[in-house]
Amino acid sequence: MQAKSNPLKEKSFQFALDIIEFTQKLNESRNYVVSKQLTKSGTSVGANIHEAQTPESKNDFVHKLKIAAKEASETEFWLMLCKESPYLPDPGLLSGKVNELQRILSASISSCKSRD
């Protein structure tokens, strides 16, 4: 039996890989503080989505998605900082990817809450 496809889980995993690749550029340019913060928040999005796949309850599922959404918001901040600062490398398409994850998370949270 094949496992059911989960686009949010797949997109957040790929996003974490992309974040790791981008933060290597930050490390190469010696922007260690931004790199560390972005690595933590950017990979945490996927980790929380992954953890939400085995919830203890519906409330637990929603709670983990909300944490993922908060981490995505923090990641968005660090990416905006990179985009606007002349001293940091441009994050390219990562801003659009985090925005897509935020939209999916928001829709998923709203959908779960409306089923009460």
C-alpha atoms as a PDB file:
ATOM      1  CA  MET A   1       0.000   0.000   0.000  1.00  0.00           C
ATOM      2  CA  GLN A   2       1.422   3.364  -1.053  1.00  0.00           C
ATOM      3  CA  ALA A   3       1.554   6.206   1.450  1.00  0.00           C
ATOM      4  CA  LYS A   4      -0.882   9.062   0.847  1.00  0.00           C
ATOM      5  CA  SER A   5       0.703  12.153  -0.698  1.00  0.00           C
ATOM      6  CA  ASN A   6       0.973  15.154   1.601  1.00  0.00           C
ATOM      7  CA  PRO A   7       1.857  18.319  -0.364  1.00  0.00           C
ATOM      8  CA  LEU A   8       2.325  20.474   2.761  1.00  0.00           C
ATOM      9  CA  LYS A   9       4.745  17.991   4.293  1.00  0.00           C
ATOM     10  CA  GLU A  10       6.627  17.596   0.991  1.00  0.00           C
ATOM     11  CA  LYS A  11       6.827  21.360   0.324  1.00  0.00           C
ATOM     12  CA  SER A  12       7.990  22.121   3.864  1.00  0.00           C
ATOM     13  CA  PHE A  13      10.688  19.437   3.656  1.00  0.00           C
ATOM     14  CA  GLN A  14      11.969  20.834   0.349  1.00  0.00           C
ATOM     15  CA  PHE A  15      11.820  24.337   1.841  1.00  0.00           C
ATOM     16  CA  ALA A  16      14.008  23.188   4.762  1.00  0.00           C
ATOM     17  CA  LEU A  17      16.548  21.803   2.285  1.00  0.00           C
ATOM     18  CA  ASP A  18      16.474  25.107   0.366  1.00  0.00           C
ATOM     19  CA  ILE A  19      16.985  27.049   3.601  1.00  0.00           C
ATOM     20  CA  ILE A  20      20.014  24.929   4.487  1.00  0.00           C
ATOM     21  CA  GLU A  21      21.486  25.579   1.047  1.00  0.00           C
ATOM     22  CA  PHE A  22      20.872  29.338   1.327  1.00  0.00           C
ATOM     23  CA  THR A  23      22.307  29.571   4.833  1.00  0.00           C
ATOM     24  CA  GLN A  24      25.543  28.092   3.514  1.00  0.00           C
ATOM     25  CA  LYS A  25      25.842  31.268   1.412  1.00  0.00           C
ATOM     26  CA  LEU A  26      25.263  33.315   4.553  1.00  0.00           C
ATOM     27  CA  ASN A  27      27.994  31.360   6.328  1.00  0.00           C
ATOM     28  CA  GLU A  28      30.374  31.877   3.405  1.00  0.00           C
ATOM     29  CA  SER A  29      29.820  35.635   3.712  1.00  0.00           C
ATOM     30  CA  ARG A  30      30.314  35.377   7.503  1.00  0.00           C
ATOM     31  CA  ASN A  31      26.742  36.314   8.407  1.00  0.00           C
ATOM     32  CA  TYR A  32      26.582  33.691  11.121  1.00  0.00           C
ATOM     33  CA  VAL A  33      23.895  35.244  13.324  1.00  0.00           C
ATOM     34  CA  VAL A  34      21.376  35.616  10.496  1.00  0.00           C
ATOM     35  CA  SER A  35      22.337  32.171   9.198  1.00  0.00           C
ATOM     36  CA  LYS A  36      21.705  30.528  12.566  1.00  0.00           C
ATOM     37  CA  GLN A  37      18.354  32.265  13.082  1.00  0.00           C
ATOM     38  CA  LEU A  38      17.180  31.478   9.557  1.00  0.00           C
ATOM     39  CA  THR A  39      18.283  27.854   9.823  1.00  0.00           C
ATOM     40  CA  LYS A  40      16.395  27.425  13.094  1.00  0.00           C
ATOM     41  CA  SER A  41      13.132  29.031  12.002  1.00  0.00           C
ATOM     42  CA  GLY A  42      13.189  27.786   8.399  1.00  0.00           C
ATOM     43  CA  THR A  43      13.747  24.148   9.290  1.00  0.00           C
ATOM     44  CA  SER A  44      11.352  24.344  12.236  1.00  0.00           C
ATOM     45  CA  VAL A  45       8.449  24.971   9.860  1.00  0.00           C
ATOM     46  CA  GLY A  46       8.841  21.509   8.358  1.00  0.00           C
ATOM     47  CA  ALA A  47       9.669  19.859  11.668  1.00  0.00           C
ATOM     48  CA  ASN A  48       6.406  21.078  13.200  1.00  0.00           C
ATOM     49  CA  ILE A  49       4.392  20.076  10.139  1.00  0.00           C
ATOM     50  CA  HIS A  50       6.029  16.654  10.280  1.00  0.00           C
ATOM     51  CA  GLU A  51       5.241  16.342  13.988  1.00  0.00           C
ATOM     52  CA  ALA A  52       1.619  17.357  13.330  1.00  0.00           C
ATOM     53  CA  GLN A  53       1.173  14.194  11.270  1.00  0.00           C
ATOM     54  CA  THR A  54       0.939  12.145  14.480  1.00  0.00           C
ATOM     55  CA  PRO A  55      -1.234  14.326  16.723  1.00  0.00           C
ATOM     56  CA  GLU A  56      -2.658  13.307  20.058  1.00  0.00           C
ATOM     57  CA  SER A  57      -5.888  15.127  19.189  1.00  0.00           C
ATOM     58  CA  LYS A  58      -7.382  17.553  16.700  1.00  0.00           C
ATOM     59  CA  ASN A  59      -6.408  20.430  19.016  1.00  0.00           C
ATOM     60  CA  ASP A  60      -2.833  19.116  19.108  1.00  0.00           C
ATOM     61  CA  PHE A  61      -2.791  18.993  15.297  1.00  0.00           C
ATOM     62  CA  VAL A  62      -3.996  22.603  15.027  1.00  0.00           C
ATOM     63  CA  HIS A  63      -1.554  23.715  17.725  1.00  0.00           C
ATOM     64  CA  LYS A  64       1.424  22.227  15.850  1.00  0.00           C
ATOM     65  CA  LEU A  65       0.297  23.851  12.606  1.00  0.00           C
ATOM     66  CA  LYS A  66       0.036  27.184  14.433  1.00  0.00           C
ATOM     67  CA  ILE A  67       3.606  26.777  15.678  1.00  0.00           C
ATOM     68  CA  ALA A  68       4.691  26.022  12.095  1.00  0.00           C
ATOM     69  CA  ALA A  69       2.883  29.198  10.950  1.00  0.00           C
ATOM     70  CA  LYS A  70       4.687  31.272  13.592  1.00  0.00           C
ATOM     71  CA  GLU A  71       8.029  29.824  12.505  1.00  0.00           C
ATOM     72  CA  ALA A  72       7.152  30.620   8.885  1.00  0.00           C
ATOM     73  CA  SER A  73       6.411  34.207   9.897  1.00  0.00           C
ATOM     74  CA  GLU A  74       9.797  34.495  11.615  1.00  0.00           C
ATOM     75  CA  THR A  75      11.464  32.968   8.565  1.00  0.00           C
ATOM     76  CA  GLU A  76       9.711  35.537   6.383  1.00  0.00           C
ATOM     77  CA  PHE A  77      11.270  38.287   8.535  1.00  0.00           C
ATOM     78  CA  TRP A  78      14.818  36.933   8.123  1.00  0.00           C
ATOM     79  CA  LEU A  79      14.318  36.503   4.381  1.00  0.00           C
ATOM     80  CA  MET A  80      13.027  40.097   4.050  1.00  0.00           C
ATOM     81  CA  LEU A  81      16.114  41.254   5.939  1.00  0.00           C
ATOM     82  CA  CYS A  82      18.334  39.374   3.499  1.00  0.00           C
ATOM     83  CA  LYS A  83      16.456  40.764   0.516  1.00  0.00           C
ATOM     84  CA  GLU A  84      16.644  44.381   1.668  1.00  0.00           C
ATOM     85  CA  SER A  85      20.152  44.499   3.145  1.00  0.00           C
ATOM     86  CA  PRO A  86      23.010  45.282   0.778  1.00  0.00           C
ATOM     87  CA  TYR A  87      25.277  43.252   3.086  1.00  0.00           C
ATOM     88  CA  LEU A  88      23.373  39.969   2.818  1.00  0.00           C
ATOM     89  CA  PRO A  89      22.837  37.646  -0.159  1.00  0.00           C
ATOM     90  CA  ASP A  90      19.470  37.792  -1.912  1.00  0.00           C
ATOM     91  CA  PRO A  91      17.234  34.846  -0.952  1.00  0.00           C
ATOM     92  CA  GLY A  92      15.762  34.602  -4.450  1.00  0.00           C
ATOM     93  CA  LEU A  93      12.630  32.447  -4.590  1.00  0.00           C
ATOM     94  CA  LEU A  94      12.653  31.530  -0.890  1.00  0.00           C
ATOM     95  CA  SER A  95      10.360  34.444  -0.012  1.00  0.00           C
ATOM     96  CA  GLY A  96       7.711  33.173  -2.397  1.00  0.00           C
ATOM     97  CA  LYS A  97       8.075  29.640  -1.064  1.00  0.00           C
ATOM     98  CA  VAL A  98       7.592  30.699   2.557  1.00  0.00           C
ATOM     99  CA  ASN A  99       4.554  32.758   1.539  1.00  0.00           C
ATOM    100  CA  GLU A 100       3.075  29.699  -0.171  1.00  0.00           C
ATOM    101  CA  LEU A 101       3.637  27.623   2.979  1.00  0.00           C
ATOM    102  CA  GLN A 102       1.968  30.359   5.045  1.00  0.00           C
ATOM    103  CA  ARG A 103      -1.106  30.330   2.791  1.00  0.00           C
ATOM    104  CA  ILE A 104      -1.400  26.535   2.960  1.00  0.00           C
ATOM    105  CA  LEU A 105      -0.934  26.545   6.747  1.00  0.00           C
ATOM    106  CA  SER A 106      -3.539  29.269   7.173  1.00  0.00           C
ATOM    107  CA  ALA A 107      -6.049  27.401   5.009  1.00  0.00           C
ATOM    108  CA  SER A 108      -5.359  24.131   6.852  1.00  0.00           C
ATOM    109  CA  ILE A 109      -5.811  25.739  10.264  1.00  0.00           C
ATOM    110  CA  SER A 110      -9.033  27.475   9.170  1.00  0.00           C
ATOM    111  CA  SER A 111     -10.374  24.257   7.680  1.00  0.00           C
ATOM    112  CA  CYS A 112      -9.709  22.299  10.878  1.00  0.00           C
ATOM    113  CA  LYS A 113     -11.298  24.945  13.062  1.00  0.00           C
ATOM    114  CA  SER A 114     -14.429  25.139  10.901  1.00  0.00           C
ATOM    115  CA  ARG A 115     -15.071  21.414  11.425  1.00  0.00           C
ATOM    116  CA  ASP A 116     -15.861  21.910  15.122  1.00  0.00           C
END
